[in-house]
N, C-alpha and C. Protein backbone atom coordinates (compact mmCIF):
# COMPACT_ATOMS: atom_id res chain seq x y z
N UNK A 1 0.81 -1.18 0.00
CA UNK A 1 0.00 0.00 0.00
C UNK A 1 0.86 1.25 0.00
N UNK A 2 2.05 1.12 -0.44
CA UNK A 2 2.92 2.27 -0.47
C UNK A 2 2.51 3.22 -1.59
N UNK A 3 2.92 4.47 -1.44
CA UNK A 3 2.62 5.46 -2.46
C UNK A 3 1.33 6.22 -2.22
N UNK A 4 0.51 5.75 -1.31
CA UNK A 4 -0.73 6.45 -0.98
C UNK A 4 -0.57 7.02 0.42
N UNK A 5 -0.72 8.33 0.50
CA UNK A 5 -0.51 9.00 1.77
C UNK A 5 -1.86 9.33 2.40
N UNK A 6 -2.33 8.45 3.28
CA UNK A 6 -3.59 8.66 3.98
C UNK A 6 -3.35 8.69 5.47
N UNK A 7 -4.12 9.49 6.14
CA UNK A 7 -4.08 9.48 7.60
C UNK A 7 -5.45 9.08 8.10
N UNK A 8 -5.50 8.67 9.34
CA UNK A 8 -6.78 8.30 9.92
C UNK A 8 -7.75 9.48 9.88
N UNK A 9 -7.26 10.67 10.12
CA UNK A 9 -8.16 11.84 10.12
C UNK A 9 -8.73 12.11 8.72
N UNK A 10 -7.96 11.90 7.67
CA UNK A 10 -8.47 12.08 6.31
C UNK A 10 -9.55 11.04 6.01
N UNK A 11 -9.29 9.81 6.39
CA UNK A 11 -10.28 8.75 6.14
C UNK A 11 -11.56 9.01 6.93
N UNK A 12 -11.42 9.36 8.20
CA UNK A 12 -12.61 9.65 9.03
C UNK A 12 -13.41 10.82 8.46
N UNK A 13 -12.72 11.82 7.94
CA UNK A 13 -13.39 13.00 7.38
C UNK A 13 -14.22 12.64 6.14
N UNK A 14 -13.80 11.63 5.40
CA UNK A 14 -14.44 11.28 4.14
C UNK A 14 -15.34 10.05 4.21
N UNK A 15 -15.59 9.53 5.41
CA UNK A 15 -16.49 8.39 5.58
C UNK A 15 -17.39 8.64 6.78
N UNK A 16 -18.42 7.82 6.88
CA UNK A 16 -19.22 7.87 8.11
C UNK A 16 -18.63 6.87 9.11
N UNK A 17 -19.07 6.92 10.34
CA UNK A 17 -18.45 6.10 11.38
C UNK A 17 -18.63 4.60 11.12
N UNK A 18 -19.77 4.20 10.57
CA UNK A 18 -20.01 2.78 10.30
C UNK A 18 -19.04 2.27 9.21
N UNK A 19 -18.87 3.04 8.15
CA UNK A 19 -17.94 2.65 7.09
C UNK A 19 -16.51 2.61 7.60
N UNK A 20 -16.15 3.58 8.42
CA UNK A 20 -14.80 3.61 8.97
C UNK A 20 -14.55 2.36 9.82
N UNK A 21 -15.49 2.03 10.69
CA UNK A 21 -15.32 0.86 11.56
C UNK A 21 -15.20 -0.43 10.75
N UNK A 22 -16.02 -0.56 9.73
CA UNK A 22 -15.96 -1.77 8.89
C UNK A 22 -14.61 -1.85 8.17
N UNK A 23 -14.16 -0.74 7.62
CA UNK A 23 -12.87 -0.71 6.94
C UNK A 23 -11.72 -1.01 7.88
N UNK A 24 -11.80 -0.49 9.08
CA UNK A 24 -10.75 -0.73 10.07
C UNK A 24 -10.67 -2.21 10.43
N UNK A 25 -11.82 -2.85 10.57
CA UNK A 25 -11.84 -4.29 10.86
C UNK A 25 -11.22 -5.07 9.71
N UNK A 26 -11.58 -4.73 8.49
CA UNK A 26 -11.01 -5.41 7.31
C UNK A 26 -9.49 -5.24 7.28
N UNK A 27 -9.03 -4.04 7.56
CA UNK A 27 -7.60 -3.77 7.55
C UNK A 27 -6.88 -4.57 8.63
N UNK A 28 -7.41 -4.56 9.83
CA UNK A 28 -6.78 -5.29 10.95
C UNK A 28 -6.79 -6.79 10.74
N UNK A 29 -7.84 -7.30 10.07
CA UNK A 29 -7.94 -8.74 9.80
C UNK A 29 -7.05 -9.19 8.65
N UNK A 30 -6.45 -8.24 7.96
CA UNK A 30 -5.61 -8.58 6.82
C UNK A 30 -6.40 -8.86 5.56
N UNK A 31 -7.65 -8.41 5.52
CA UNK A 31 -8.52 -8.66 4.37
C UNK A 31 -8.30 -7.70 3.21
N UNK A 32 -7.59 -6.60 3.46
CA UNK A 32 -7.33 -5.63 2.40
C UNK A 32 -6.19 -6.16 1.54
N UNK A 33 -6.50 -6.46 0.28
CA UNK A 33 -5.51 -7.05 -0.62
C UNK A 33 -4.68 -6.01 -1.34
N UNK A 34 -5.32 -4.90 -1.71
CA UNK A 34 -4.59 -3.85 -2.41
C UNK A 34 -5.35 -2.53 -2.28
N UNK A 35 -4.61 -1.45 -2.41
CA UNK A 35 -5.20 -0.11 -2.40
C UNK A 35 -4.59 0.65 -3.57
N UNK A 36 -5.45 1.29 -4.35
CA UNK A 36 -4.97 2.09 -5.48
C UNK A 36 -5.60 3.47 -5.42
N UNK A 37 -4.89 4.44 -5.96
CA UNK A 37 -5.39 5.81 -6.02
C UNK A 37 -5.45 6.23 -7.46
N UNK A 38 -6.59 6.79 -7.84
CA UNK A 38 -6.80 7.35 -9.17
C UNK A 38 -7.32 8.76 -8.98
N UNK A 39 -6.43 9.72 -9.11
CA UNK A 39 -6.81 11.10 -8.87
C UNK A 39 -7.22 11.28 -7.42
N UNK A 40 -8.45 11.73 -7.22
CA UNK A 40 -8.97 11.96 -5.87
C UNK A 40 -9.62 10.72 -5.26
N UNK A 41 -9.72 9.64 -6.02
CA UNK A 41 -10.44 8.45 -5.57
C UNK A 41 -9.48 7.38 -5.09
N UNK A 42 -9.82 6.77 -3.97
CA UNK A 42 -9.06 5.65 -3.41
C UNK A 42 -9.94 4.41 -3.52
N UNK A 43 -9.38 3.32 -4.04
CA UNK A 43 -10.10 2.05 -4.13
C UNK A 43 -9.31 0.98 -3.41
N UNK A 44 -10.03 0.08 -2.75
CA UNK A 44 -9.38 -1.04 -2.08
C UNK A 44 -10.01 -2.33 -2.55
N UNK A 45 -9.18 -3.34 -2.70
CA UNK A 45 -9.66 -4.68 -3.00
C UNK A 45 -9.60 -5.45 -1.68
N UNK A 46 -10.75 -6.00 -1.27
CA UNK A 46 -10.88 -6.63 0.04
C UNK A 46 -11.38 -8.05 -0.14
N UNK A 47 -10.72 -9.00 0.52
CA UNK A 47 -11.14 -10.40 0.45
C UNK A 47 -12.18 -10.68 1.51
N UNK A 48 -13.33 -11.15 1.08
CA UNK A 48 -14.40 -11.53 2.01
C UNK A 48 -14.54 -13.04 2.02
N UNK A 49 -15.73 -13.50 2.28
CA UNK A 49 -15.97 -14.94 2.34
C UNK A 49 -16.21 -15.55 0.96
N UNK A 50 -16.45 -14.72 -0.04
CA UNK A 50 -16.65 -15.20 -1.40
C UNK A 50 -15.31 -15.46 -2.08
N UNK A 51 -15.33 -16.25 -3.13
CA UNK A 51 -14.12 -16.60 -3.87
C UNK A 51 -13.45 -15.37 -4.49
N UNK A 52 -14.24 -14.51 -5.13
CA UNK A 52 -13.71 -13.32 -5.80
C UNK A 52 -13.67 -12.14 -4.84
N UNK A 53 -12.60 -11.33 -4.87
CA UNK A 53 -12.55 -10.13 -4.02
C UNK A 53 -13.65 -9.14 -4.38
N UNK A 54 -14.12 -8.40 -3.40
CA UNK A 54 -15.14 -7.37 -3.58
C UNK A 54 -14.47 -6.02 -3.66
N UNK A 55 -14.90 -5.19 -4.60
CA UNK A 55 -14.33 -3.84 -4.74
C UNK A 55 -15.36 -2.81 -4.37
């Protein structure tokens, strides 16, 4: 996830508390497979219980 400069305060500012909590759980569980930045947009690929990752 190098190359993307995010802080917790930036993420909290741009999400609601429920989304932040869910994302934090995914990150701590190691479910975040990749993070990419395209301009102002950040996308993450997260592994769930399904075979294919959810974006």
